[in-house]
Protein backbone atom coordinates (compact mmCIF):
# COMPACT_ATOMS: atom_id res chain seq x y z
CA MET A 1 -28.11 -6.93 -28.12
CA THR A 2 -25.49 -4.79 -29.87
CA CYS A 3 -23.20 -2.67 -27.71
CA GLU A 4 -20.83 0.06 -28.86
CA LEU A 5 -18.24 1.55 -26.51
CA ILE A 6 -16.40 4.39 -28.24
CA LEU A 7 -13.22 5.77 -26.71
CA LEU A 8 -11.90 9.04 -28.21
CA ASN A 9 -8.35 10.21 -27.52
CA LYS A 10 -8.47 14.02 -27.54
CA ASP A 11 -4.77 14.49 -28.24
CA SER A 12 -4.50 12.24 -31.28
CA GLY A 13 -8.10 12.47 -32.48
CA ARG A 14 -8.17 8.68 -32.82
CA SER A 15 -11.16 6.67 -31.65
CA TRP A 16 -11.78 2.99 -31.03
CA ASP A 17 -14.84 0.85 -30.48
CA ILE A 18 -13.52 -1.18 -27.56
CA ALA A 19 -16.72 -3.16 -26.94
CA PRO A 20 -15.17 -6.39 -28.31
CA GLN A 21 -12.33 -6.04 -25.75
CA VAL A 22 -14.67 -5.45 -22.78
CA GLN A 23 -16.51 -8.28 -21.04
CA ARG A 24 -18.44 -6.27 -18.47
CA VAL A 25 -19.84 -2.73 -18.41
CA THR A 26 -21.63 -1.20 -15.41
CA TYR A 27 -23.69 1.99 -15.65
CA ILE A 28 -25.04 3.58 -12.45
CA THR A 29 -27.34 6.55 -11.89
CA ASN A 30 -28.68 8.02 -8.62
CA ARG A 31 -31.65 10.37 -8.43
CA THR A 32 -29.73 12.97 -6.42
CA GLY A 33 -26.26 13.85 -5.29
CA SER A 34 -23.92 12.10 -7.72
CA PRO A 35 -23.03 11.94 -11.42
CA GLY A 36 -23.82 9.09 -13.78
CA THR A 37 -21.01 6.54 -13.62
CA LEU A 38 -19.73 4.09 -16.24
CA LYS A 39 -17.20 1.41 -15.30
CA PHE A 40 -15.51 -1.18 -17.47
CA THR A 41 -12.33 -3.27 -17.72
CA VAL A 42 -10.38 -3.37 -20.99
CA ASN A 43 -7.21 -4.91 -22.36
CA ALA A 44 -5.17 -1.88 -23.41
CA SER A 45 -3.34 -3.63 -26.23
CA GLY A 46 -3.51 -1.46 -29.34
CA ILE A 47 -5.24 1.54 -27.75
CA SER A 48 -3.96 4.62 -25.96
CA PHE A 49 -6.09 6.91 -23.84
CA LEU A 50 -5.80 9.35 -20.93
CA GLU A 51 -7.90 10.90 -18.21
CA GLY A 52 -10.27 13.43 -19.76
CA ASP A 53 -10.77 11.45 -22.97
CA VAL A 54 -14.34 11.00 -24.19
CA VAL A 55 -16.38 7.80 -23.74
CA ARG A 56 -19.72 7.04 -25.39
CA PHE A 57 -21.68 3.87 -24.63
CA SER A 58 -24.61 2.82 -26.82
CA VAL A 59 -26.92 -0.20 -26.79
CA ASN A 60 -28.83 -1.16 -29.93
CA GLY A 61 -28.09 2.29 -31.36
CA GLN A 62 -29.36 4.19 -28.30
CA VAL A 63 -26.82 6.39 -26.51
CA VAL A 64 -26.87 5.34 -22.85
CA PHE A 65 -23.88 7.31 -21.54
CA LEU A 66 -21.65 10.16 -22.69
CA GLY A 67 -18.83 11.24 -20.41
CA TRP A 68 -15.13 11.35 -19.66
CA VAL A 69 -12.43 9.07 -18.26
CA PHE A 70 -11.60 10.04 -14.68
CA THR A 71 -9.67 7.10 -13.24
CA LYS A 72 -7.54 4.26 -14.65
CA SER A 73 -6.11 1.36 -12.70
CA ARG A 74 -3.71 -0.93 -14.61
CA ASP A 75 -2.20 -4.31 -13.75
CA ARG A 76 0.99 -5.95 -15.07
CA TYR A 77 -0.91 -7.59 -17.93
CA ALA A 78 -2.11 -4.25 -19.38
CA VAL A 79 -5.67 -4.80 -18.13
CA ILE A 80 -7.18 -1.47 -17.09
CA ASP A 81 -10.14 -0.76 -14.82
CA VAL A 82 -11.73 2.48 -16.02
CA THR A 83 -14.21 4.80 -14.28
CA CYS A 84 -16.00 7.51 -16.26
CA TYR A 85 -18.46 10.23 -15.20
CA ASP A 86 -20.96 12.44 -16.99
CA GLN A 87 -21.25 16.26 -16.73
CA LEU A 88 -22.63 16.19 -13.19
CA ARG A 89 -19.13 15.29 -11.99
CA TYR A 90 -18.01 18.87 -12.65
CA LEU A 91 -20.75 20.13 -10.31
CA LYS A 92 -19.00 18.55 -7.35
CA ALA A 93 -16.92 21.75 -7.34
CA SER A 94 -17.55 24.04 -4.36
CA ALA A 95 -18.93 27.54 -4.81
CA SER A 96 -20.90 30.27 -3.04
CA TYR A 97 -24.18 31.63 -4.38
CA CYS A 98 -26.97 33.93 -3.27
CA PHE A 99 -30.22 33.54 -5.20
CA VAL A 100 -33.34 35.65 -4.54
CA GLY A 101 -36.65 34.95 -6.24
CA ARG A 102 -35.21 32.46 -8.73
CA THR A 103 -36.65 29.17 -9.95
CA ALA A 104 -34.66 25.95 -9.79
CA GLY A 105 -34.23 26.07 -13.58
CA GLN A 106 -32.85 29.62 -13.44
CA ILE A 107 -30.45 28.61 -10.66
CA LEU A 108 -29.32 25.60 -12.66
CA THR A 109 -28.82 27.71 -15.79
CA GLU A 110 -26.59 30.23 -14.02
CA ILE A 111 -24.45 27.54 -12.41
CA ALA A 112 -24.12 25.65 -15.71
CA GLN A 113 -23.00 28.84 -17.47
CA ASP A 114 -20.43 29.56 -14.76
CA PHE A 115 -18.94 26.08 -15.22
CA GLN A 116 -19.28 26.06 -19.03
CA LEU A 117 -21.59 23.04 -19.09
CA SER A 118 -24.13 22.21 -21.79
CA THR A 119 -27.84 22.25 -20.98
CA GLY A 120 -30.84 20.61 -22.62
CA VAL A 121 -34.50 20.56 -21.54
CA LEU A 122 -34.96 22.61 -18.35
CA GLU A 123 -38.62 22.57 -17.38
CA ASP A 124 -40.03 25.63 -15.64
CA THR A 125 -41.02 24.63 -12.10
CA GLY A 126 -43.21 27.71 -11.79
CA TYR A 127 -41.94 28.34 -8.26
CA ALA A 128 -39.60 31.21 -7.40
CA ILE A 129 -37.56 30.27 -4.32
CA PRO A 130 -37.63 33.28 -1.95
CA THR A 131 -33.97 32.99 -0.94
CA LEU A 132 -31.25 30.39 -1.37
CA ILE A 133 -27.89 31.27 0.15
CA ARG A 134 -25.07 28.72 0.23
CA GLU A 135 -21.41 29.36 1.00
CA ASP A 136 -18.61 26.98 0.07
CA LYS A 137 -20.99 24.15 -0.89
CA SER A 138 -20.80 21.80 -3.85
CA CYS A 139 -22.89 22.92 -6.81
CA LEU A 140 -24.68 19.57 -6.69
CA ASP A 141 -25.71 20.30 -3.10
CA ILE A 142 -26.89 23.79 -4.06
CA ILE A 143 -29.03 22.46 -6.92
CA SER A 144 -30.38 19.68 -4.68
CA ALA A 145 -31.37 22.30 -2.09
CA ALA A 146 -33.24 24.26 -4.75
CA LEU A 147 -35.12 21.14 -5.84
CA GLU A 148 -35.92 20.23 -2.22
CA GLN A 149 -37.37 23.68 -1.56
CA THR A 150 -39.40 23.37 -4.75
CA LEU A 151 -40.73 19.97 -3.67
CA LEU A 152 -41.70 21.16 -0.19
CA ALA A 153 -43.43 24.26 -1.55
CA THR A 154 -45.24 22.73 -4.51
CA GLY A 155 -45.40 18.98 -3.91
CA ARG A 156 -43.82 18.45 -7.34
CA LEU A 157 -40.62 16.46 -7.59
CA TYR A 158 -38.08 17.22 -10.31
CA THR A 159 -35.21 15.11 -11.62
CA PHE A 160 -31.89 16.69 -12.54
CA PHE A 161 -29.67 14.58 -14.77
CA ASP A 162 -27.26 14.53 -17.71
CA ASP A 163 -29.09 13.37 -20.83
CA ALA A 164 -26.22 12.14 -23.03
CA GLY A 165 -24.26 15.38 -22.72
CA ALA A 166 -27.02 17.88 -21.89
CA LEU A 167 -27.95 18.86 -18.33
CA SER A 168 -31.70 18.41 -18.02
CA LEU A 169 -34.43 19.16 -15.48
CA ARG A 170 -37.79 17.42 -15.78
CA GLU A 171 -40.72 16.67 -13.52
CA ALA A 172 -40.46 13.05 -12.43
CA GLY A 173 -44.16 12.46 -13.06
CA GLY A 174 -43.59 13.09 -16.76
CA MET A 175 -40.67 10.66 -17.02
CA VAL A 176 -42.56 7.38 -17.20
CA ALA A 177 -40.40 4.53 -18.49
CA GLN A 178 -41.67 2.01 -21.00
CA GLY A 179 -42.11 -1.53 -19.70
CA VAL A 180 -43.22 -3.30 -16.52
CA VAL A 181 -41.13 -5.03 -13.88
CA GLY A 182 -42.91 -7.65 -11.79
CA GLU A 183 -43.87 -11.27 -11.50
CA GLY A 184 -43.73 -12.79 -14.97
CA SER A 185 -42.10 -9.65 -16.36
CA LEU A 186 -38.30 -9.31 -15.98
CA LEU A 187 -38.28 -9.69 -12.17
CA LEU A 188 -35.54 -11.97 -10.81
CA ASP A 189 -35.45 -11.18 -7.07
CA TYR A 190 -36.31 -8.45 -4.56
CA THR A 191 -35.87 -7.24 -0.98
CA TYR A 192 -38.66 -5.22 0.69
CA LYS A 193 -38.09 -3.06 3.77
CA THR A 194 -40.26 -0.86 5.99
CA ASP A 195 -38.77 1.58 8.49
CA ILE A 196 -39.04 4.79 10.51
CA ASP A 197 -35.28 5.01 10.86
CA GLU A 198 -33.56 6.92 8.06
CA HIS A 199 -35.96 9.59 6.75
CA THR A 200 -38.79 9.78 9.31
CA TYR A 201 -39.47 12.84 11.48
CA ASN A 202 -42.60 13.54 13.53
CA SER A 203 -41.27 16.86 14.81
CA VAL A 204 -39.66 19.58 12.68
CA LYS A 205 -37.93 22.47 14.43
CA LEU A 206 -36.66 25.33 12.29
CA VAL A 207 -34.55 28.09 13.79
CA ARG A 208 -34.23 31.48 12.14
CA PRO A 209 -31.29 33.61 13.34
CA ASN A 210 -32.04 37.13 14.48
CA GLU A 211 -29.03 39.43 14.37
CA ALA A 212 -30.88 42.18 16.24
CA THR A 213 -31.55 40.06 19.33
CA GLY A 214 -28.70 37.58 18.92
CA ARG A 215 -31.16 34.75 19.52
CA GLY A 216 -32.79 32.21 17.23
CA GLU A 217 -36.54 32.27 16.61
CA VAL A 218 -38.12 28.82 16.58
CA PHE A 219 -40.84 27.55 14.24
CA GLN A 220 -42.05 24.04 14.99
CA ALA A 221 -44.54 21.53 13.59
CA VAL A 222 -45.31 18.27 15.41
CA ASP A 223 -47.54 15.21 15.17
CA SER A 224 -48.37 14.26 18.76
CA ALA A 225 -50.08 11.02 17.75
CA ASN A 226 -47.01 9.72 15.92
CA ILE A 227 -44.73 10.90 18.73
CA ALA A 228 -46.78 8.72 21.08
CA ARG A 229 -46.54 5.84 18.60
CA TRP A 230 -42.85 6.05 17.58
CA GLY A 231 -41.20 8.30 20.15
CA LEU A 232 -39.83 11.75 19.34
CA LEU A 233 -38.03 11.79 15.98
CA GLN A 234 -36.97 15.39 15.52
CA HIS A 235 -35.44 17.21 12.58
CA TYR A 236 -33.58 20.43 13.45
CA GLN A 237 -32.50 22.92 10.82
CA SER A 238 -31.46 26.55 10.51
CA VAL A 239 -33.28 28.62 7.90
CA ASP A 240 -32.44 31.84 6.12
CA GLU A 241 -33.01 35.02 8.13
CA ALA A 242 -34.77 36.52 5.10
CA LEU A 243 -37.77 34.20 5.57
CA ASN A 244 -40.70 35.91 7.24
CA ASP A 245 -42.80 34.28 9.99
CA ALA A 246 -45.42 32.91 7.60
CA GLN A 247 -42.81 31.43 5.25
CA ALA A 248 -40.84 29.81 8.08
CA ALA A 249 -43.98 28.33 9.66
CA ALA A 250 -45.20 27.06 6.28
CA LYS A 251 -41.83 25.42 5.61
CA ALA A 252 -41.98 23.60 8.96
CA ARG A 253 -45.47 22.29 8.16
CA SER A 254 -44.56 21.15 4.65
CA MET A 255 -41.44 19.36 5.90
CA LEU A 256 -43.49 17.57 8.54
CA ALA A 257 -46.06 16.54 5.94
CA TYR A 258 -43.32 15.01 3.80
CA TYR A 259 -41.17 13.29 6.44
CA ASN A 260 -43.81 12.19 8.98
CA ARG A 261 -44.39 8.72 7.59
CA ARG A 262 -43.43 5.07 7.69
CA TRP A 263 -41.24 4.51 4.65
CA ARG A 264 -41.43 1.51 2.34
CA SER A 265 -38.42 0.71 0.18
CA LEU A 266 -37.72 -1.96 -2.38
CA LYS A 267 -34.57 -3.33 -4.02
CA VAL A 268 -35.14 -5.32 -7.22
CA LYS A 269 -32.92 -7.42 -9.46
CA ALA A 270 -34.34 -7.80 -12.96
CA LEU A 271 -33.55 -8.33 -16.60
CA GLY A 272 -32.51 -5.04 -18.19
CA LEU A 273 -34.49 -2.25 -19.80
CA THR A 274 -32.18 -0.09 -21.94
CA GLY A 275 -32.35 3.61 -21.10
CA LEU A 276 -33.86 3.19 -17.65
CA ARG A 277 -32.35 5.66 -15.18
CA ALA A 278 -32.81 6.98 -11.65
CA GLY A 279 -35.44 9.70 -11.40
CA GLN A 280 -37.83 7.99 -13.80
CA MET A 281 -41.18 6.47 -12.91
CA LEU A 282 -41.60 2.75 -13.60
CA LEU A 283 -44.64 0.49 -13.32
CA MET A 284 -44.01 -2.36 -10.87
CA ASP A 285 -46.35 -5.29 -10.39
CA VAL A 286 -45.46 -7.38 -7.32
CA PRO A 287 -48.45 -8.93 -5.52
CA ARG A 288 -48.17 -10.13 -1.93
CA LEU A 289 -45.27 -7.81 -1.18
CA GLY A 290 -45.19 -7.99 2.61
CA ASP A 291 -48.08 -5.82 3.84
CA ILE A 292 -49.16 -4.60 0.39
CA ASP A 293 -49.95 -5.66 -3.16
CA LEU A 294 -47.80 -3.46 -5.35
CA HIS A 295 -49.18 -2.39 -8.71
CA ALA A 296 -48.15 1.22 -9.18
CA LEU A 297 -45.75 3.66 -10.72
CA VAL A 298 -42.71 4.01 -8.47
CA LEU A 299 -39.88 6.55 -8.41
CA LEU A 300 -36.46 5.03 -9.03
CA GLU A 301 -33.82 6.26 -6.58
CA LYS A 302 -30.90 4.25 -7.98
CA VAL A 303 -30.45 2.18 -11.13
CA SER A 304 -27.42 0.01 -11.85
CA HIS A 305 -27.15 -1.68 -15.26
CA THR A 306 -24.75 -4.54 -15.94
CA PHE A 307 -23.89 -5.67 -19.46
CA GLU A 308 -21.91 -8.89 -19.46
CA ASN A 309 -21.54 -11.70 -22.00
CA ASP A 310 -24.52 -10.41 -24.04
CA VAL A 311 -26.75 -10.43 -20.93
CA HIS A 312 -28.26 -7.21 -19.59
CA THR A 313 -29.43 -7.13 -15.96
CA MET A 314 -30.23 -4.28 -13.60
CA ASP A 315 -30.55 -3.52 -9.90
CA LEU A 316 -33.24 -0.99 -8.94
CA GLU A 317 -33.80 0.85 -5.67
CA VAL A 318 -37.11 2.48 -4.72
CA ARG A 319 -37.20 4.43 -1.46
CA GLU A 320 -40.90 5.23 -1.19
CA LEU A 321 -43.75 3.11 -2.52
CA GLY A 322 -46.74 5.38 -3.08
CA VAL A 323 -49.38 2.82 -2.23
């Protein structure tokens, strides 16, 4: 395994490959809500860099991460802990937007242009969101809301990520990673959990404000059988006034269909696969996994790579096992 960690000082134009001075590199991606993160510790002797300088990390010639230095923490021996983020970090900025009849890709394009960010492949979701109004919210939250509405309306899940310097939007089903993780194939350890605690709702109540009457109009979808089984687990949410009755009722039904379930989640420690990231699909083969035999493509919610002493390992998190 050959690693290259390039650090470019913008002011001087000088660059260094600091991989020989770094013992451990950690690269973390989450499917939603946060930027890609690269962390490393380096002896600063002979190099000079500042916040905002460019960092590129490659493994065996493949660019894994491209981003910028955001934090430095130095001790008395000139050893510096460094945290870098990709372009998604700039979308933590708050903004207000009103979108009508726009697809998630169109929404993403407008926001990226406003913040002068580079884009790459933005797949057309084919679904125009009726209305999306957000005031003083982070751009990441606004984009996540657009993707959630797309999922609930179409059943198709899209992954938004920074692909080595280009904001990209792709359907998760088309992002199938090479390789298999399972017994006899990279797997080191795992933890399997089932629950109805964090993301389960058997009643969805949506309230649409009505300025004319001053009262909220309620649209509700329930599963009486699961209420009897689990107790009432209700999700309450306000929706845009622009939604008509049919749209509000349909949204309540689609949310119930998605959240009214017993969730299975899996955390895996394995030998590393270069390029694997959250939002991809990966084949996992783990027989006798609690109440199931797992042999299926799973959606990766979080991926953490560790490169240390020429050994590459990774920690994977899967929230829902589609089996």
